[in-house]
Every structure is written in C-alpha cells, then in structure tokens.
C-alpha cells in the first residue's frame, strides 16, 4: 500500500467518500512496482472541478514519484470517481513498463549461462595468478 498520498482539491471539496476511494485505488498501485521502489514511492493527487459551457467536468491528475522517474496520468469526465478509475488504469500500464525496465528478467537458461560464464571467469583468473 502506498503510504504517502497527498490529496488536494481545486474548486472541489474532497469528502470522505472520495478520499477513501482515492486511497483504495491509488494506494494499491504499489503491487505493480519493483520491490526496491515500494517504500519510497509518493503520490500527489489533484482533483479539480472544471466549469465548461456544456456543464461541470471533473479532472483527476496523479503524479507518482518513484525512484529515477515521475509518472503522471490525467483524465477528465463528468464523474469524479470515473476519472479516478481511468487514471488508475493509465498508471497501471505505465508502472508495468517501469517495472519491466528496472527488474532484470531471465529464464532458467539465461541464469545457467550467467553462472557458467562466472565460473569460467573465476577459473581463468585463478590460472593467470599461477
């Protein structure tokens, strides 16, 4: 669970229901982060009410501050909770990409090759020392 979530309303009164919903949705995005980044992630949520000629719209803007990157997602709809849902999905896809970039992947074959290369390097180093 993301522990540092700052929720701010601009021309929008953030009630307890909306606050709990944001914490529920944004707070559980840490499962898409690499383990080393989970404790240091911070979220800044900005909820706005935008008056348009065609009626009121609600805008949700979320900044996730993770190690070495700032991940941002923004959306506006006629319903604040729907905007939060859409932003959550956008953040999920960005966090999956971030996770894939920062976590080395390798199957059993790649790990085996890596170990064999390391052993061969150790043998050549010890042979040169003699």
C-alpha atoms as a PDB file:
ATOM      1  CA  UNK A   1       0.000   0.000   0.000  1.00  0.00           C
ATOM      2  CA  UNK A   2       1.337   3.414  -0.937  1.00  0.00           C
ATOM      3  CA  UNK A   3       1.559   5.240   2.374  1.00  0.00           C
ATOM      4  CA  UNK A   4       2.324   8.805   1.197  1.00  0.00           C
ATOM      5  CA  UNK A   5      -0.723  10.059  -0.700  1.00  0.00           C
ATOM      6  CA  UNK A   6      -1.419  13.806  -0.811  1.00  0.00           C
ATOM      7  CA  UNK A   7      -4.959  14.606  -1.963  1.00  0.00           C
ATOM      8  CA  UNK A   8      -5.753  18.189  -2.952  1.00  0.00           C
ATOM      9  CA  UNK A   9      -8.990  19.656  -4.298  1.00  0.00           C
ATOM     10  CA  UNK A  10      -9.095  22.712  -6.568  1.00  0.00           C
ATOM     11  CA  UNK A  11     -12.589  24.243  -6.624  1.00  0.00           C
ATOM     12  CA  UNK A  12     -13.687  20.806  -5.432  1.00  0.00           C
ATOM     13  CA  UNK A  13     -14.498  19.811  -1.872  1.00  0.00           C
ATOM     14  CA  UNK A  14     -12.859  16.440  -1.192  1.00  0.00           C
ATOM     15  CA  UNK A  15     -15.273  14.482   1.002  1.00  0.00           C
ATOM     16  CA  UNK A  16     -14.509  11.323   2.984  1.00  0.00           C
ATOM     17  CA  UNK A  17     -16.030   9.034   0.357  1.00  0.00           C
ATOM     18  CA  UNK A  18     -13.821  10.417  -2.407  1.00  0.00           C
ATOM     19  CA  UNK A  19     -10.776  10.388  -0.139  1.00  0.00           C
ATOM     20  CA  UNK A  20     -11.301   6.720   0.778  1.00  0.00           C
ATOM     21  CA  UNK A  21     -11.853   5.851  -2.880  1.00  0.00           C
ATOM     22  CA  UNK A  22      -8.609   7.550  -3.932  1.00  0.00           C
ATOM     23  CA  UNK A  23      -6.665   5.809  -1.158  1.00  0.00           C
ATOM     24  CA  UNK A  24      -8.178   2.460  -2.162  1.00  0.00           C
ATOM     25  CA  UNK A  25      -7.473   2.847  -5.886  1.00  0.00           C
ATOM     26  CA  UNK A  26      -4.144   4.690  -5.901  1.00  0.00           C
ATOM     27  CA  UNK A  27      -2.856   3.066  -2.715  1.00  0.00           C
ATOM     28  CA  UNK A  28      -2.769  -0.413  -4.165  1.00  0.00           C
ATOM     29  CA  UNK A  29      -0.748   0.512  -7.246  1.00  0.00           C
ATOM     30  CA  UNK A  30       2.417  -0.440  -5.361  1.00  0.00           C
ATOM     31  CA  UNK A  31       1.893  -4.062  -6.433  1.00  0.00           C
ATOM     32  CA  UNK A  32       2.989  -3.017  -9.942  1.00  0.00           C
ATOM     33  CA  UNK A  33       6.254  -1.516  -8.676  1.00  0.00           C
ATOM     34  CA  UNK A  34       9.568  -3.316  -8.188  1.00  0.00           C
ATOM     35  CA  UNK A  35      10.174  -4.266  -4.567  1.00  0.00           C
ATOM     36  CA  UNK A  36      13.038  -1.798  -4.131  1.00  0.00           C
ATOM     37  CA  UNK A  37      10.774   1.124  -5.066  1.00  0.00           C
ATOM     38  CA  UNK A  38       7.737   0.324  -2.910  1.00  0.00           C
ATOM     39  CA  UNK A  39       8.856   2.071   0.261  1.00  0.00           C
ATOM     40  CA  UNK A  40       9.960   5.302  -1.382  1.00  0.00           C
ATOM     41  CA  UNK A  41       7.001   5.965  -3.696  1.00  0.00           C
ATOM     42  CA  UNK A  42       4.841   9.051  -3.133  1.00  0.00           C
ATOM     43  CA  UNK A  43       1.572  10.022  -4.783  1.00  0.00           C
ATOM     44  CA  UNK A  44       0.203  13.520  -5.366  1.00  0.00           C
ATOM     45  CA  UNK A  45      -3.481  13.549  -6.350  1.00  0.00           C
ATOM     46  CA  UNK A  46      -5.075  16.737  -7.654  1.00  0.00           C
ATOM     47  CA  UNK A  47      -8.870  16.742  -8.017  1.00  0.00           C
ATOM     48  CA  UNK A  48     -10.387  19.675  -9.931  1.00  0.00           C
ATOM     49  CA  UNK A  49     -13.826  20.855 -10.878  1.00  0.00           C
ATOM     50  CA  UNK A  50     -13.674  22.480 -14.298  1.00  0.00           C
ATOM     51  CA  UNK A  51     -16.631  24.629 -15.329  1.00  0.00           C
ATOM     52  CA  UNK A  52     -17.307  24.342 -19.011  1.00  0.00           C
ATOM     53  CA  UNK A  53     -20.011  25.814 -21.193  1.00  0.00           C
ATOM     54  CA  UNK A  54     -21.593  22.390 -21.566  1.00  0.00           C
ATOM     55  CA  UNK A  55     -21.598  21.691 -17.836  1.00  0.00           C
ATOM     56  CA  UNK A  56     -19.297  20.733 -14.996  1.00  0.00           C
ATOM     57  CA  UNK A  57     -16.457  18.345 -15.590  1.00  0.00           C
ATOM     58  CA  UNK A  58     -14.182  16.740 -13.051  1.00  0.00           C
ATOM     59  CA  UNK A  59     -10.487  16.300 -13.618  1.00  0.00           C
ATOM     60  CA  UNK A  60      -8.123  13.922 -11.819  1.00  0.00           C
ATOM     61  CA  UNK A  61      -4.362  14.402 -12.107  1.00  0.00           C
ATOM     62  CA  UNK A  62      -1.993  11.975 -10.345  1.00  0.00           C
ATOM     63  CA  UNK A  63       1.785  12.227 -10.038  1.00  0.00           C
ATOM     64  CA  UNK A  64       3.653   9.176  -8.771  1.00  0.00           C
ATOM     65  CA  UNK A  65       7.159   9.922  -7.621  1.00  0.00           C
ATOM     66  CA  UNK A  66       9.206   6.732  -7.929  1.00  0.00           C
ATOM     67  CA  UNK A  67      12.991   6.310  -7.909  1.00  0.00           C
ATOM     68  CA  UNK A  68      14.520   7.938 -11.013  1.00  0.00           C
ATOM     69  CA  UNK A  69      11.172   8.889 -12.561  1.00  0.00           C
ATOM     70  CA  UNK A  70       7.959  10.899 -12.294  1.00  0.00           C
ATOM     71  CA  UNK A  71       4.910   9.051 -13.605  1.00  0.00           C
ATOM     72  CA  UNK A  72       1.893  11.192 -14.475  1.00  0.00           C
ATOM     73  CA  UNK A  73      -1.658  10.439 -15.588  1.00  0.00           C
ATOM     74  CA  UNK A  74      -4.564  12.822 -16.122  1.00  0.00           C
ATOM     75  CA  UNK A  75      -8.182  12.497 -17.210  1.00  0.00           C
ATOM     76  CA  UNK A  76     -11.440  14.434 -17.076  1.00  0.00           C
ATOM     77  CA  UNK A  77     -15.012  13.118 -17.162  1.00  0.00           C
ATOM     78  CA  UNK A  78     -18.477  14.037 -15.923  1.00  0.00           C
ATOM     79  CA  UNK A  79     -17.975  11.908 -12.784  1.00  0.00           C
ATOM     80  CA  UNK A  80     -15.027  12.231 -10.378  1.00  0.00           C
ATOM     81  CA  UNK A  81     -14.942   8.543  -9.437  1.00  0.00           C
ATOM     82  CA  UNK A  82     -14.887   7.544 -13.109  1.00  0.00           C
ATOM     83  CA  UNK A  83     -11.953   9.896 -13.698  1.00  0.00           C
ATOM     84  CA  UNK A  84     -10.076   8.237 -10.812  1.00  0.00           C
ATOM     85  CA  UNK A  85     -10.740   4.790 -12.331  1.00  0.00           C
ATOM     86  CA  UNK A  86      -9.441   5.858 -15.744  1.00  0.00           C
ATOM     87  CA  UNK A  87      -6.321   7.422 -14.225  1.00  0.00           C
ATOM     88  CA  UNK A  88      -5.706   4.234 -12.244  1.00  0.00           C
ATOM     89  CA  UNK A  89      -5.716   2.161 -15.443  1.00  0.00           C
ATOM     90  CA  UNK A  90      -3.334   4.592 -17.149  1.00  0.00           C
ATOM     91  CA  UNK A  91      -0.966   4.415 -14.195  1.00  0.00           C
ATOM     92  CA  UNK A  92      -1.078   0.607 -14.167  1.00  0.00           C
ATOM     93  CA  UNK A  93       0.206   0.405 -17.728  1.00  0.00           C
ATOM     94  CA  UNK A  94       2.954   2.954 -17.059  1.00  0.00           C
ATOM     95  CA  UNK A  95       4.003   1.145 -13.880  1.00  0.00           C
ATOM     96  CA  UNK A  96       4.202  -2.175 -15.731  1.00  0.00           C
ATOM     97  CA  UNK A  97       6.614  -0.572 -18.209  1.00  0.00           C
ATOM     98  CA  UNK A  98       8.621   0.936 -15.347  1.00  0.00           C
ATOM     99  CA  UNK A  99       8.765  -2.463 -13.629  1.00  0.00           C
ATOM    100  CA  UNK A 100       9.944  -4.210 -16.802  1.00  0.00           C
ATOM    101  CA  UNK A 101      12.700  -1.621 -17.285  1.00  0.00           C
ATOM    102  CA  UNK A 102      14.015  -1.873 -13.727  1.00  0.00           C
ATOM    103  CA  UNK A 103      13.758  -5.591 -12.956  1.00  0.00           C
ATOM    104  CA  UNK A 104      16.114  -7.915 -14.812  1.00  0.00           C
ATOM    105  CA  UNK A 105      14.277 -10.809 -16.370  1.00  0.00           C
ATOM    106  CA  UNK A 106      15.822 -14.090 -17.280  1.00  0.00           C
ATOM    107  CA  UNK A 107      14.696 -17.640 -17.509  1.00  0.00           C
ATOM    108  CA  UNK A 108      16.479 -20.686 -16.161  1.00  0.00           C
ATOM    109  CA  UNK A 109      18.619 -20.965 -19.295  1.00  0.00           C
ATOM    110  CA  UNK A 110      19.874 -17.380 -19.016  1.00  0.00           C
ATOM    111  CA  UNK A 111      20.664 -17.838 -15.322  1.00  0.00           C
ATOM    112  CA  UNK A 112      22.555 -21.053 -16.091  1.00  0.00           C
ATOM    113  CA  UNK A 113      24.585 -19.352 -18.822  1.00  0.00           C
ATOM    114  CA  UNK A 114      25.364 -16.473 -16.473  1.00  0.00           C
ATOM    115  CA  UNK A 115      26.611 -18.889 -13.761  1.00  0.00           C
ATOM    116  CA  UNK A 116      28.754 -20.841 -16.232  1.00  0.00           C
ATOM    117  CA  UNK A 117      30.352 -17.644 -17.543  1.00  0.00           C
ATOM    118  CA  UNK A 118      31.073 -16.540 -13.990  1.00  0.00           C
ATOM    119  CA  UNK A 119      32.727 -19.901 -13.146  1.00  0.00           C
ATOM    120  CA  UNK A 120      34.811 -19.777 -16.311  1.00  0.00           C
ATOM    121  CA  UNK A 121      35.942 -16.252 -15.428  1.00  0.00           C
ATOM    122  CA  UNK A 122      36.953 -17.432 -11.942  1.00  0.00           C
ATOM    123  CA  UNK A 123      38.965 -20.314 -13.431  1.00  0.00           C
ATOM    124  CA  UNK A 124      40.810 -18.057 -15.878  1.00  0.00           C
ATOM    125  CA  UNK A 125      41.565 -15.568 -13.097  1.00  0.00           C
ATOM    126  CA  UNK A 126      42.973 -18.295 -10.853  1.00  0.00           C
ATOM    127  CA  UNK A 127      45.006 -19.792 -13.767  1.00  0.00           C
ATOM    128  CA  UNK A 128      46.548 -16.377 -14.507  1.00  0.00           C
ATOM    129  CA  UNK A 129      47.510 -15.985 -10.860  1.00  0.00           C
ATOM    130  CA  UNK A 130      49.655 -19.163 -11.030  1.00  0.00           C
END
